[in-house]
């Protein structure tokens, strides 16, 4: 019995020490991934005014606002960052980027692709109304239905929630280098 208790204490100590050593690295990697996503969404000049403790939603110049959306995918939580601009029927998606996911490599990880031909680019120009009324078609991906539905759900729910917030956008002008 004493041996089991001693072994348990040693294992707990090793786990604690591992967490102490790796915790800061993990947080730094998360912060770097988020910063990279934000740079892809909005560009460096628009992000100059942000600080590490800026609160979401992030109101940028030229009326762009960055928000996060989350949903449960097949492999775990999918976190997205949306770049929104004002539109006649509510916020319009200007850009969409995956911040983090745990989807199956080779099947559901297409949501993290970059470039103009990536699947997430199909959301550009859509509003909550487009997604709720299904007037906009965002194609499914064979074998990744849960992932596709999770992304659609996260984006739709977030846009519907934000449609009721008239103070969502900032009217500040960007520096010339941001245009």
Foldseek 3Di string as FASTA:
>chain_A
DVVVVVVVVVVVVVVVVVCVVCVVVVVVVLVVLVVVQVCQQQNDQQCPPDDPPDDPQDATEPFWTKHWFWFAFPQGIWIKIFIWHADPQFTFTQFMATSDDGDDPPALPLRHDDDCPGLRVLRGGDALCCLVVVVRDRDDGPPRNRSVVRVSVRVNVVRVVRRPPPPRTDHHHTPPVSD
